[in-house]
């Protein structure tokens, strides 16, 4: 195990000293958070808070029934 960063690799192996690999899910969350909402998503955001939530969809269902 690497004493420098705890990556679990032995000296001489590729990637030694670079640290443990980060999960791909965190990278995906960063990508979607930085881009913002698309034009179609903005149309669905009824309360204009910048997030699509259950309350937005409930409001859209209420509009559709009328």
PDB file of N, CA and C in Angstrom:
ATOM      1  N   UNK A   1       0.852  -1.177   0.000  1.00  0.00           N
ATOM      2  CA  UNK A   1       0.000   0.000   0.000  1.00  0.00           C
ATOM      3  C   UNK A   1       0.892   1.231   0.000  1.00  0.00           C
ATOM      4  N   UNK A   2       0.498   2.195  -0.744  1.00  0.00           N
ATOM      5  CA  UNK A   2       1.247   3.432  -0.861  1.00  0.00           C
ATOM      6  C   UNK A   2       1.137   4.232   0.441  1.00  0.00           C
ATOM      7  N   UNK A   3       2.259   4.544   1.042  1.00  0.00           N
ATOM      8  CA  UNK A   3       2.254   5.307   2.289  1.00  0.00           C
ATOM      9  C   UNK A   3       1.970   6.782   2.040  1.00  0.00           C
ATOM     10  N   UNK A   4       2.165   7.221   0.825  1.00  0.00           N
ATOM     11  CA  UNK A   4       1.976   8.640   0.502  1.00  0.00           C
ATOM     12  C   UNK A   4       0.490   9.001   0.453  1.00  0.00           C
ATOM     13  N   UNK A   5      -0.275   8.211  -0.279  1.00  0.00           N
ATOM     14  CA  UNK A   5      -1.682   8.582  -0.465  1.00  0.00           C
ATOM     15  C   UNK A   5      -2.669   7.474  -0.114  1.00  0.00           C
ATOM     16  N   UNK A   6      -2.203   6.261   0.126  1.00  0.00           N
ATOM     17  CA  UNK A   6      -3.100   5.171   0.477  1.00  0.00           C
ATOM     18  C   UNK A   6      -3.846   4.593  -0.708  1.00  0.00           C
ATOM     19  N   UNK A   7      -3.249   4.635  -1.887  1.00  0.00           N
ATOM     20  CA  UNK A   7      -3.940   4.202  -3.097  1.00  0.00           C
ATOM     21  C   UNK A   7      -4.049   2.685  -3.214  1.00  0.00           C
ATOM     22  N   UNK A   8      -3.295   1.926  -2.450  1.00  0.00           N
ATOM     23  CA  UNK A   8      -3.398   0.475  -2.497  1.00  0.00           C
ATOM     24  C   UNK A   8      -2.493  -0.179  -3.514  1.00  0.00           C
ATOM     25  N   UNK A   9      -1.664   0.590  -4.221  1.00  0.00           N
ATOM     26  CA  UNK A   9      -0.758   0.017  -5.215  1.00  0.00           C
ATOM     27  C   UNK A   9       0.644  -0.057  -4.647  1.00  0.00           C
ATOM     28  N   UNK A  10       1.418  -1.011  -5.163  1.00  0.00           N
ATOM     29  CA  UNK A  10       2.791  -1.175  -4.716  1.00  0.00           C
ATOM     30  C   UNK A  10       3.713  -0.341  -5.594  1.00  0.00           C
ATOM     31  N   UNK A  11       4.863  -0.014  -5.043  1.00  0.00           N
ATOM     32  CA  UNK A  11       5.833   0.789  -5.777  1.00  0.00           C
ATOM     33  C   UNK A  11       6.216   0.075  -7.068  1.00  0.00           C
ATOM     34  N   UNK A  12       6.211   0.790  -8.160  1.00  0.00           N
ATOM     35  CA  UNK A  12       6.532   0.217  -9.453  1.00  0.00           C
ATOM     36  C   UNK A  12       5.301  -0.068 -10.295  1.00  0.00           C
ATOM     37  N   UNK A  13       4.115  -0.138  -9.691  1.00  0.00           N
ATOM     38  CA  UNK A  13       2.894  -0.368 -10.448  1.00  0.00           C
ATOM     39  C   UNK A  13       2.406   0.942 -11.068  1.00  0.00           C
ATOM     40  N   UNK A  14       1.761   0.853 -12.218  1.00  0.00           N
ATOM     41  CA  UNK A  14       1.209   2.075 -12.813  1.00  0.00           C
ATOM     42  C   UNK A  14       0.182   2.719 -11.878  1.00  0.00           C
ATOM     43  N   UNK A  15       0.266   4.012 -11.720  1.00  0.00           N
ATOM     44  CA  UNK A  15      -0.668   4.729 -10.884  1.00  0.00           C
ATOM     45  C   UNK A  15      -0.243   4.861  -9.444  1.00  0.00           C
ATOM     46  N   UNK A  16       0.961   4.416  -9.115  1.00  0.00           N
ATOM     47  CA  UNK A  16       1.457   4.496  -7.739  1.00  0.00           C
ATOM     48  C   UNK A  16       1.590   5.955  -7.313  1.00  0.00           C
ATOM     49  N   UNK A  17       1.043   6.291  -6.157  1.00  0.00           N
ATOM     50  CA  UNK A  17       1.171   7.641  -5.618  1.00  0.00           C
ATOM     51  C   UNK A  17       0.157   8.638  -6.145  1.00  0.00           C
ATOM     52  N   UNK A  18      -0.801   8.195  -6.928  1.00  0.00           N
ATOM     53  CA  UNK A  18      -1.791   9.110  -7.493  1.00  0.00           C
ATOM     54  C   UNK A  18      -3.073   9.165  -6.680  1.00  0.00           C
ATOM     55  N   UNK A  19      -3.190   8.355  -5.669  1.00  0.00           N
ATOM     56  CA  UNK A  19      -4.375   8.366  -4.828  1.00  0.00           C
ATOM     57  C   UNK A  19      -5.431   7.404  -5.327  1.00  0.00           C
ATOM     58  N   UNK A  20      -6.429   7.125  -4.481  1.00  0.00           N
ATOM     59  CA  UNK A  20      -7.499   6.207  -4.886  1.00  0.00           C
ATOM     60  C   UNK A  20      -8.355   6.828  -5.984  1.00  0.00           C
ATOM     61  N   UNK A  21      -8.901   5.977  -6.837  1.00  0.00           N
ATOM     62  CA  UNK A  21      -9.740   6.464  -7.925  1.00  0.00           C
ATOM     63  C   UNK A  21     -11.049   7.007  -7.374  1.00  0.00           C
ATOM     64  N   UNK A  22     -11.513   8.081  -7.964  1.00  0.00           N
ATOM     65  CA  UNK A  22     -12.775   8.683  -7.532  1.00  0.00           C
ATOM     66  C   UNK A  22     -13.914   8.002  -8.274  1.00  0.00           C
ATOM     67  N   UNK A  23     -15.083   8.033  -7.677  1.00  0.00           N
ATOM     68  CA  UNK A  23     -16.237   7.383  -8.264  1.00  0.00           C
ATOM     69  C   UNK A  23     -16.748   8.183  -9.457  1.00  0.00           C
ATOM     70  N   UNK A  24     -17.244   7.485 -10.461  1.00  0.00           N
ATOM     71  CA  UNK A  24     -17.746   8.129 -11.670  1.00  0.00           C
ATOM     72  C   UNK A  24     -19.035   8.898 -11.402  1.00  0.00           C
ATOM     73  N   UNK A  25     -19.804   8.494 -10.391  1.00  0.00           N
ATOM     74  CA  UNK A  25     -21.070   9.163 -10.100  1.00  0.00           C
ATOM     75  C   UNK A  25     -20.846  10.611  -9.697  1.00  0.00           C
ATOM     76  N   UNK A  26     -19.783  10.880  -8.964  1.00  0.00           N
ATOM     77  CA  UNK A  26     -19.504  12.251  -8.552  1.00  0.00           C
ATOM     78  C   UNK A  26     -19.164  13.119  -9.748  1.00  0.00           C
ATOM     79  N   UNK A  27     -18.429  12.561 -10.713  1.00  0.00           N
ATOM     80  CA  UNK A  27     -18.094  13.323 -11.905  1.00  0.00           C
ATOM     81  C   UNK A  27     -19.353  13.640 -12.710  1.00  0.00           C
ATOM     82  N   UNK A  28     -20.263  12.697 -12.794  1.00  0.00           N
ATOM     83  CA  UNK A  28     -21.495  12.919 -13.545  1.00  0.00           C
ATOM     84  C   UNK A  28     -22.345  13.996 -12.890  1.00  0.00           C
ATOM     85  N   UNK A  29     -22.383  14.010 -11.559  1.00  0.00           N
ATOM     86  CA  UNK A  29     -23.142  15.037 -10.857  1.00  0.00           C
ATOM     87  C   UNK A  29     -22.574  16.415 -11.121  1.00  0.00           C
ATOM     88  N   UNK A  30     -21.264  16.530 -11.172  1.00  0.00           N
ATOM     89  CA  UNK A  30     -20.635  17.821 -11.425  1.00  0.00           C
ATOM     90  C   UNK A  30     -20.955  18.313 -12.835  1.00  0.00           C
ATOM     91  N   UNK A  31     -20.970  17.399 -13.801  1.00  0.00           N
ATOM     92  CA  UNK A  31     -21.255  17.787 -15.179  1.00  0.00           C
ATOM     93  C   UNK A  31     -22.671  18.333 -15.316  1.00  0.00           C
ATOM     94  N   UNK A  32     -23.640  17.662 -14.739  1.00  0.00           N
ATOM     95  CA  UNK A  32     -25.023  18.107 -14.876  1.00  0.00           C
ATOM     96  C   UNK A  32     -25.282  19.376 -14.079  1.00  0.00           C
ATOM     97  N   UNK A  33     -24.613  19.538 -12.960  1.00  0.00           N
ATOM     98  CA  UNK A  33     -24.823  20.726 -12.138  1.00  0.00           C
ATOM     99  C   UNK A  33     -24.225  21.955 -12.797  1.00  0.00           C
ATOM    100  N   UNK A  34     -23.124  21.821 -13.489  1.00  0.00           N
ATOM    101  CA  UNK A  34     -22.471  22.974 -14.082  1.00  0.00           C
ATOM    102  C   UNK A  34     -23.165  23.442 -15.359  1.00  0.00           C
ATOM    103  N   UNK A  35     -23.823  22.553 -16.066  1.00  0.00           N
ATOM    104  CA  UNK A  35     -24.458  22.933 -17.325  1.00  0.00           C
ATOM    105  C   UNK A  35     -25.759  23.687 -17.119  1.00  0.00           C
ATOM    106  N   UNK A  36     -26.458  23.434 -16.056  1.00  0.00           N
ATOM    107  CA  UNK A  36     -27.749  24.072 -15.859  1.00  0.00           C
ATOM    108  C   UNK A  36     -28.849  23.291 -16.545  1.00  0.00           C
ATOM    109  N   UNK A  37     -29.989  23.935 -16.728  1.00  0.00           N
ATOM    110  CA  UNK A  37     -31.135  23.244 -17.320  1.00  0.00           C
ATOM    111  C   UNK A  37     -31.243  23.568 -18.802  1.00  0.00           C
ATOM    112  N   UNK A  38     -31.756  22.601 -19.555  1.00  0.00           N
ATOM    113  CA  UNK A  38     -31.980  22.827 -20.978  1.00  0.00           C
ATOM    114  C   UNK A  38     -33.264  23.635 -21.159  1.00  0.00           C
ATOM    115  N   UNK A  39     -33.530  24.027 -22.378  1.00  0.00           N
ATOM    116  CA  UNK A  39     -34.716  24.837 -22.670  1.00  0.00           C
ATOM    117  C   UNK A  39     -35.999  24.083 -22.335  1.00  0.00           C
ATOM    118  N   UNK A  40     -36.026  22.778 -22.623  1.00  0.00           N
ATOM    119  CA  UNK A  40     -37.218  21.977 -22.318  1.00  0.00           C
ATOM    120  C   UNK A  40     -37.424  21.853 -20.814  1.00  0.00           C
ATOM    121  N   UNK A  41     -36.329  21.733 -20.077  1.00  0.00           N
ATOM    122  CA  UNK A  41     -36.441  21.637 -18.629  1.00  0.00           C
ATOM    123  C   UNK A  41     -36.919  22.955 -18.029  1.00  0.00           C
ATOM    124  N   UNK A  42     -36.501  24.067 -18.600  1.00  0.00           N
ATOM    125  CA  UNK A  42     -36.935  25.377 -18.112  1.00  0.00           C
ATOM    126  C   UNK A  42     -38.435  25.559 -18.284  1.00  0.00           C
ATOM    127  N   UNK A  43     -38.999  24.985 -19.348  1.00  0.00           N
ATOM    128  CA  UNK A  43     -40.446  25.056 -19.562  1.00  0.00           C
ATOM    129  C   UNK A  43     -41.199  24.291 -18.471  1.00  0.00           C
ATOM    130  N   UNK A  44     -40.614  23.201 -17.981  1.00  0.00           N
ATOM    131  CA  UNK A  44     -41.255  22.386 -16.954  1.00  0.00           C
ATOM    132  C   UNK A  44     -41.121  22.982 -15.556  1.00  0.00           C
ATOM    133  N   UNK A  45     -40.186  23.882 -15.363  1.00  0.00           N
ATOM    134  CA  UNK A  45     -39.946  24.480 -14.042  1.00  0.00           C
ATOM    135  C   UNK A  45     -41.000  25.549 -13.778  1.00  0.00           C
ATOM    136  N   UNK A  46     -42.109  25.145 -13.153  1.00  0.00           N
ATOM    137  CA  UNK A  46     -43.260  26.024 -12.948  1.00  0.00           C
ATOM    138  C   UNK A  46     -42.943  27.148 -11.964  1.00  0.00           C
ATOM    139  N   UNK A  47     -42.259  26.840 -10.858  1.00  0.00           N
ATOM    140  CA  UNK A  47     -42.008  27.855  -9.841  1.00  0.00           C
ATOM    141  C   UNK A  47     -40.730  28.659 -10.084  1.00  0.00           C
ATOM    142  N   UNK A  48     -40.024  28.396 -11.174  1.00  0.00           N
ATOM    143  CA  UNK A  48     -38.838  29.134 -11.619  1.00  0.00           C
ATOM    144  C   UNK A  48     -37.733  29.224 -10.562  1.00  0.00           C
ATOM    145  N   UNK A  49     -37.525  28.118  -9.832  1.00  0.00           N
ATOM    146  CA  UNK A  49     -36.455  28.108  -8.839  1.00  0.00           C
ATOM    147  C   UNK A  49     -35.172  27.476  -9.363  1.00  0.00           C
ATOM    148  N   UNK A  50     -35.170  27.008 -10.598  1.00  0.00           N
ATOM    149  CA  UNK A  50     -33.986  26.412 -11.190  1.00  0.00           C
ATOM    150  C   UNK A  50     -33.826  24.929 -10.927  1.00  0.00           C
ATOM    151  N   UNK A  51     -34.828  24.299 -10.296  1.00  0.00           N
ATOM    152  CA  UNK A  51     -34.778  22.862 -10.018  1.00  0.00           C
ATOM    153  C   UNK A  51     -36.097  22.226 -10.426  1.00  0.00           C
ATOM    154  N   UNK A  52     -36.008  21.025 -10.965  1.00  0.00           N
ATOM    155  CA  UNK A  52     -37.219  20.261 -11.265  1.00  0.00           C
ATOM    156  C   UNK A  52     -37.526  19.377 -10.074  1.00  0.00           C
ATOM    157  N   UNK A  53     -38.667  19.630  -9.452  1.00  0.00           N
ATOM    158  CA  UNK A  53     -39.053  18.889  -8.256  1.00  0.00           C
ATOM    159  C   UNK A  53     -40.454  18.349  -8.433  1.00  0.00           C
ATOM    160  N   UNK A  54     -40.877  17.582  -7.454  1.00  0.00           N
ATOM    161  CA  UNK A  54     -42.217  17.003  -7.493  1.00  0.00           C
ATOM    162  C   UNK A  54     -43.300  18.060  -7.524  1.00  0.00           C
ATOM    163  N   UNK A  55     -43.077  19.192  -6.865  1.00  0.00           N
ATOM    164  CA  UNK A  55     -44.083  20.259  -6.854  1.00  0.00           C
ATOM    165  C   UNK A  55     -44.299  20.841  -8.249  1.00  0.00           C
ATOM    166  N   UNK A  56     -43.244  20.896  -9.052  1.00  0.00           N
ATOM    167  CA  UNK A  56     -43.375  21.369 -10.432  1.00  0.00           C
ATOM    168  C   UNK A  56     -44.271  20.436 -11.243  1.00  0.00           C
ATOM    169  N   UNK A  57     -44.045  19.146 -11.109  1.00  0.00           N
ATOM    170  CA  UNK A  57     -44.831  18.176 -11.855  1.00  0.00           C
ATOM    171  C   UNK A  57     -46.274  18.129 -11.367  1.00  0.00           C
ATOM    172  N   UNK A  58     -46.479  18.330 -10.062  1.00  0.00           N
ATOM    173  CA  UNK A  58     -47.835  18.360  -9.522  1.00  0.00           C
ATOM    174  C   UNK A  58     -48.594  19.558 -10.082  1.00  0.00           C
ATOM    175  N   UNK A  59     -47.921  20.689 -10.191  1.00  0.00           N
ATOM    176  CA  UNK A  59     -48.557  21.884 -10.748  1.00  0.00           C
ATOM    177  C   UNK A  59     -48.908  21.666 -12.222  1.00  0.00           C
ATOM    178  N   UNK A  60     -48.035  21.004 -12.949  1.00  0.00           N
ATOM    179  CA  UNK A  60     -48.307  20.722 -14.364  1.00  0.00           C
ATOM    180  C   UNK A  60     -49.491  19.771 -14.513  1.00  0.00           C
ATOM    181  N   UNK A  61     -49.613  18.788 -13.627  1.00  0.00           N
ATOM    182  CA  UNK A  61     -50.757  17.885 -13.682  1.00  0.00           C
ATOM    183  C   UNK A  61     -52.048  18.638 -13.377  1.00  0.00           C
ATOM    184  N   UNK A  62     -51.982  19.577 -12.460  1.00  0.00           N
ATOM    185  CA  UNK A  62     -53.163  20.369 -12.108  1.00  0.00           C
ATOM    186  C   UNK A  62     -53.616  21.242 -13.278  1.00  0.00           C
ATOM    187  N   UNK A  63     -52.664  21.788 -14.029  1.00  0.00           N
ATOM    188  CA  UNK A  63     -52.989  22.618 -15.195  1.00  0.00           C
ATOM    189  C   UNK A  63     -53.625  21.756 -16.290  1.00  0.00           C
ATOM    190  N   UNK A  64     -53.137  20.526 -16.440  1.00  0.00           N
ATOM    191  CA  UNK A  64     -53.615  19.640 -17.507  1.00  0.00           C
ATOM    192  C   UNK A  64     -55.058  19.220 -17.285  1.00  0.00           C
ATOM    193  N   UNK A  65     -55.482  19.043 -16.038  1.00  0.00           N
ATOM    194  CA  UNK A  65     -56.832  18.592 -15.744  1.00  0.00           C
ATOM    195  C   UNK A  65     -57.877  19.656 -16.035  1.00  0.00           C
ATOM    196  N   UNK A  66     -57.492  20.923 -15.975  1.00  0.00           N
ATOM    197  CA  UNK A  66     -58.445  22.024 -16.177  1.00  0.00           C
ATOM    198  C   UNK A  66     -58.749  22.271 -17.612  1.00  0.00           C
TER     199      UNK A  66
END
